[in-house]
Amino acid sequence: MKYKNLRLSFLIEIFVGFITIISIALLGPKGIAVLSLIGLRPVFMQREEIKDPGFYYQNIYKVLNNSLSIISIMLILIIIIFLFIPAYQSKLPPVENLFVLFLPFFLLTHGVIGLINLSDIEKKDNQRS
């Protein structure tokens, strides 16, 4: 089963990720509770059967792989900043707040990459119909 409107699904991921990042910036680590809004997505979005599971899962795997690659690069850059550029250490938030931000950033990145690849998914899905 997949969401009938993938564009709306990815936009909800972007919105919830962005709102969670803002709430963590304002409330600290307790702001991660806003992430629970993503749990409302199945309540009001319709689902449909997947016509070609191999094609669909291949594209979803590509979106997930790209998102994880971007988050990994971000993590490496943050570690480099912490270790090698001491002037920026005082400007970064505390470490516990920094690691709480990775889940909302992943959600935001996954939504953006999903929207970018969505035109590819829709084009090939229409050709298969």
C-alpha atoms as a PDB file:
ATOM      1  CA  MET A   1       0.000   0.000   0.000  1.00  0.00           C
ATOM      2  CA  LYS A   2       1.149   3.503  -0.788  1.00  0.00           C
ATOM      3  CA  TYR A   3      -0.337   6.916  -0.306  1.00  0.00           C
ATOM      4  CA  LYS A   4      -2.519   7.960  -3.206  1.00  0.00           C
ATOM      5  CA  ASN A   5      -1.119  11.504  -3.188  1.00  0.00           C
ATOM      6  CA  LEU A   6       2.648  11.110  -2.776  1.00  0.00           C
ATOM      7  CA  ARG A   7       3.218  14.821  -3.361  1.00  0.00           C
ATOM      8  CA  LEU A   8       1.108  15.706  -0.307  1.00  0.00           C
ATOM      9  CA  SER A   9       2.817  12.967   1.690  1.00  0.00           C
ATOM     10  CA  PHE A  10       6.284  14.372   0.975  1.00  0.00           C
ATOM     11  CA  LEU A  11       5.059  17.934   1.658  1.00  0.00           C
ATOM     12  CA  ILE A  12       3.777  16.809   5.063  1.00  0.00           C
ATOM     13  CA  GLU A  13       7.222  15.338   5.805  1.00  0.00           C
ATOM     14  CA  ILE A  14       8.866  18.642   4.882  1.00  0.00           C
ATOM     15  CA  PHE A  15       6.376  20.639   6.972  1.00  0.00           C
ATOM     16  CA  VAL A  16       6.648  18.415  10.063  1.00  0.00           C
ATOM     17  CA  GLY A  17      10.452  18.312   9.794  1.00  0.00           C
ATOM     18  CA  PHE A  18      10.669  22.105   9.520  1.00  0.00           C
ATOM     19  CA  ILE A  19       8.205  22.744  12.369  1.00  0.00           C
ATOM     20  CA  THR A  20      10.074  20.227  14.559  1.00  0.00           C
ATOM     21  CA  ILE A  21      13.405  21.967  13.895  1.00  0.00           C
ATOM     22  CA  ILE A  22      11.856  25.304  14.882  1.00  0.00           C
ATOM     23  CA  SER A  23      10.276  23.822  18.025  1.00  0.00           C
ATOM     24  CA  ILE A  24      13.613  22.261  19.060  1.00  0.00           C
ATOM     25  CA  ALA A  25      15.279  25.635  18.544  1.00  0.00           C
ATOM     26  CA  LEU A  26      12.668  27.314  20.758  1.00  0.00           C
ATOM     27  CA  LEU A  27      11.954  24.630  23.387  1.00  0.00           C
ATOM     28  CA  GLY A  28      15.144  22.591  23.405  1.00  0.00           C
ATOM     29  CA  PRO A  29      15.094  18.780  23.219  1.00  0.00           C
ATOM     30  CA  LYS A  30      11.475  18.681  24.444  1.00  0.00           C
ATOM     31  CA  GLY A  31      10.453  20.144  21.075  1.00  0.00           C
ATOM     32  CA  ILE A  32      10.959  16.729  19.470  1.00  0.00           C
ATOM     33  CA  ALA A  33       7.388  15.950  20.599  1.00  0.00           C
ATOM     34  CA  VAL A  34       6.143  17.918  17.573  1.00  0.00           C
ATOM     35  CA  LEU A  35       7.475  15.032  15.468  1.00  0.00           C
ATOM     36  CA  SER A  36       4.413  13.055  16.544  1.00  0.00           C
ATOM     37  CA  LEU A  37       2.413  15.059  13.970  1.00  0.00           C
ATOM     38  CA  ILE A  38       3.745  12.696  11.294  1.00  0.00           C
ATOM     39  CA  GLY A  39       1.625  10.001  12.968  1.00  0.00           C
ATOM     40  CA  LEU A  40      -1.522  11.802  11.808  1.00  0.00           C
ATOM     41  CA  ARG A  41      -0.627  11.303   8.147  1.00  0.00           C
ATOM     42  CA  PRO A  42      -2.239   7.834   7.793  1.00  0.00           C
ATOM     43  CA  VAL A  43      -5.443   9.097   9.425  1.00  0.00           C
ATOM     44  CA  PHE A  44      -6.386  11.565   6.685  1.00  0.00           C
ATOM     45  CA  MET A  45      -4.531  10.297   3.614  1.00  0.00           C
ATOM     46  CA  GLN A  46      -5.961   7.665   1.308  1.00  0.00           C
ATOM     47  CA  ARG A  47      -3.978   4.599   0.321  1.00  0.00           C
ATOM     48  CA  GLU A  48      -3.930   2.529  -2.835  1.00  0.00           C
ATOM     49  CA  GLU A  49      -2.405  -0.715  -4.042  1.00  0.00           C
ATOM     50  CA  ILE A  50       1.056  -0.604  -5.597  1.00  0.00           C
ATOM     51  CA  LYS A  51       0.792  -1.502  -9.301  1.00  0.00           C
ATOM     52  CA  ASP A  52       4.442  -2.454  -9.834  1.00  0.00           C
ATOM     53  CA  PRO A  53       6.074  -3.211  -6.464  1.00  0.00           C
ATOM     54  CA  GLY A  54       9.586  -3.691  -7.866  1.00  0.00           C
ATOM     55  CA  PHE A  55       9.624  -0.280  -9.537  1.00  0.00           C
ATOM     56  CA  TYR A  56       8.032   1.458  -6.556  1.00  0.00           C
ATOM     57  CA  TYR A  57      10.378  -0.050  -3.957  1.00  0.00           C
ATOM     58  CA  GLN A  58      13.388   0.701  -6.152  1.00  0.00           C
ATOM     59  CA  ASN A  59      12.455   4.401  -6.227  1.00  0.00           C
ATOM     60  CA  ILE A  60      11.656   4.557  -2.519  1.00  0.00           C
ATOM     61  CA  TYR A  61      15.021   2.890  -1.804  1.00  0.00           C
ATOM     62  CA  LYS A  62      16.715   5.525  -3.975  1.00  0.00           C
ATOM     63  CA  VAL A  63      15.004   8.340  -2.036  1.00  0.00           C
ATOM     64  CA  LEU A  64      15.987   6.773   1.299  1.00  0.00           C
ATOM     65  CA  ASN A  65      19.568   6.180   0.154  1.00  0.00           C
ATOM     66  CA  ASN A  66      19.976   9.775  -1.028  1.00  0.00           C
ATOM     67  CA  SER A  67      18.495  11.129   2.209  1.00  0.00           C
ATOM     68  CA  LEU A  68      20.798   9.041   4.370  1.00  0.00           C
ATOM     69  CA  SER A  69      23.792  10.105   2.273  1.00  0.00           C
ATOM     70  CA  ILE A  70      22.982  13.782   2.793  1.00  0.00           C
ATOM     71  CA  ILE A  71      22.475  13.305   6.544  1.00  0.00           C
ATOM     72  CA  SER A  72      25.787  11.389   6.767  1.00  0.00           C
ATOM     73  CA  ILE A  73      27.634  14.185   4.991  1.00  0.00           C
ATOM     74  CA  MET A  74      26.036  16.688   7.385  1.00  0.00           C
ATOM     75  CA  LEU A  75      27.156  14.625  10.371  1.00  0.00           C
ATOM     76  CA  ILE A  76      30.726  14.399   9.053  1.00  0.00           C
ATOM     77  CA  LEU A  77      30.827  18.162   8.470  1.00  0.00           C
ATOM     78  CA  ILE A  78      29.581  18.865  11.986  1.00  0.00           C
ATOM     79  CA  ILE A  79      32.230  16.559  13.457  1.00  0.00           C
ATOM     80  CA  ILE A  80      34.915  18.300  11.393  1.00  0.00           C
ATOM     81  CA  ILE A  81      33.701  21.684  12.634  1.00  0.00           C
ATOM     82  CA  PHE A  82      33.800  20.464  16.235  1.00  0.00           C
ATOM     83  CA  LEU A  83      37.269  18.970  15.957  1.00  0.00           C
ATOM     84  CA  PHE A  84      39.213  21.238  13.655  1.00  0.00           C
ATOM     85  CA  ILE A  85      37.682  24.712  13.857  1.00  0.00           C
ATOM     86  CA  PRO A  86      37.598  25.722  17.518  1.00  0.00           C
ATOM     87  CA  ALA A  87      36.373  29.242  16.717  1.00  0.00           C
ATOM     88  CA  TYR A  88      32.962  27.833  15.685  1.00  0.00           C
ATOM     89  CA  GLN A  89      32.544  25.636  18.761  1.00  0.00           C
ATOM     90  CA  SER A  90      31.100  28.446  20.826  1.00  0.00           C
ATOM     91  CA  LYS A  91      28.557  29.323  18.108  1.00  0.00           C
ATOM     92  CA  LEU A  92      27.134  25.801  17.772  1.00  0.00           C
ATOM     93  CA  PRO A  93      24.273  24.651  20.011  1.00  0.00           C
ATOM     94  CA  PRO A  94      24.976  22.140  22.799  1.00  0.00           C
ATOM     95  CA  VAL A  95      25.756  18.628  21.595  1.00  0.00           C
ATOM     96  CA  GLU A  96      22.588  17.072  23.050  1.00  0.00           C
ATOM     97  CA  ASN A  97      20.455  19.546  21.071  1.00  0.00           C
ATOM     98  CA  LEU A  98      22.518  18.942  17.961  1.00  0.00           C
ATOM     99  CA  PHE A  99      21.895  15.198  17.876  1.00  0.00           C
ATOM    100  CA  VAL A 100      18.180  15.672  18.546  1.00  0.00           C
ATOM    101  CA  LEU A 101      18.049  17.684  15.298  1.00  0.00           C
ATOM    102  CA  PHE A 102      19.112  14.784  13.074  1.00  0.00           C
ATOM    103  CA  LEU A 103      15.709  13.066  12.994  1.00  0.00           C
ATOM    104  CA  PRO A 104      13.799  16.208  11.890  1.00  0.00           C
ATOM    105  CA  PHE A 105      16.558  17.010   9.387  1.00  0.00           C
ATOM    106  CA  PHE A 106      16.248  13.487   8.004  1.00  0.00           C
ATOM    107  CA  LEU A 107      12.485  13.915   7.675  1.00  0.00           C
ATOM    108  CA  LEU A 108      12.938  17.277   5.949  1.00  0.00           C
ATOM    109  CA  THR A 109      15.615  15.894   3.624  1.00  0.00           C
ATOM    110  CA  HIS A 110      13.562  12.778   2.829  1.00  0.00           C
ATOM    111  CA  GLY A 111      10.599  14.966   1.866  1.00  0.00           C
ATOM    112  CA  VAL A 112      12.691  17.226  -0.375  1.00  0.00           C
ATOM    113  CA  ILE A 113      14.460  14.317  -2.111  1.00  0.00           C
ATOM    114  CA  GLY A 114      11.108  12.559  -2.476  1.00  0.00           C
ATOM    115  CA  LEU A 115       9.590  15.611  -4.164  1.00  0.00           C
ATOM    116  CA  ILE A 116      12.584  15.860  -6.492  1.00  0.00           C
ATOM    117  CA  ASN A 117      12.258  12.202  -7.515  1.00  0.00           C
ATOM    118  CA  LEU A 118       8.450  12.271  -7.597  1.00  0.00           C
ATOM    119  CA  SER A 119       8.267  13.512 -11.172  1.00  0.00           C
ATOM    120  CA  ASP A 120      10.365  10.493 -12.167  1.00  0.00           C
ATOM    121  CA  ILE A 121       8.062   8.143 -10.257  1.00  0.00           C
ATOM    122  CA  GLU A 122       4.880   9.662 -11.704  1.00  0.00           C
ATOM    123  CA  LYS A 123       6.231   9.706 -15.268  1.00  0.00           C
ATOM    124  CA  LYS A 124       7.205   6.030 -15.245  1.00  0.00           C
ATOM    125  CA  ASP A 125       4.056   5.089 -13.344  1.00  0.00           C
ATOM    126  CA  ASN A 126       1.917   6.695 -16.074  1.00  0.00           C
ATOM    127  CA  GLN A 127       3.899   4.875 -18.775  1.00  0.00           C
ATOM    128  CA  ARG A 128       3.213   1.544 -17.069  1.00  0.00           C
ATOM    129  CA  SER A 129      -0.561   2.191 -16.898  1.00  0.00           C
END
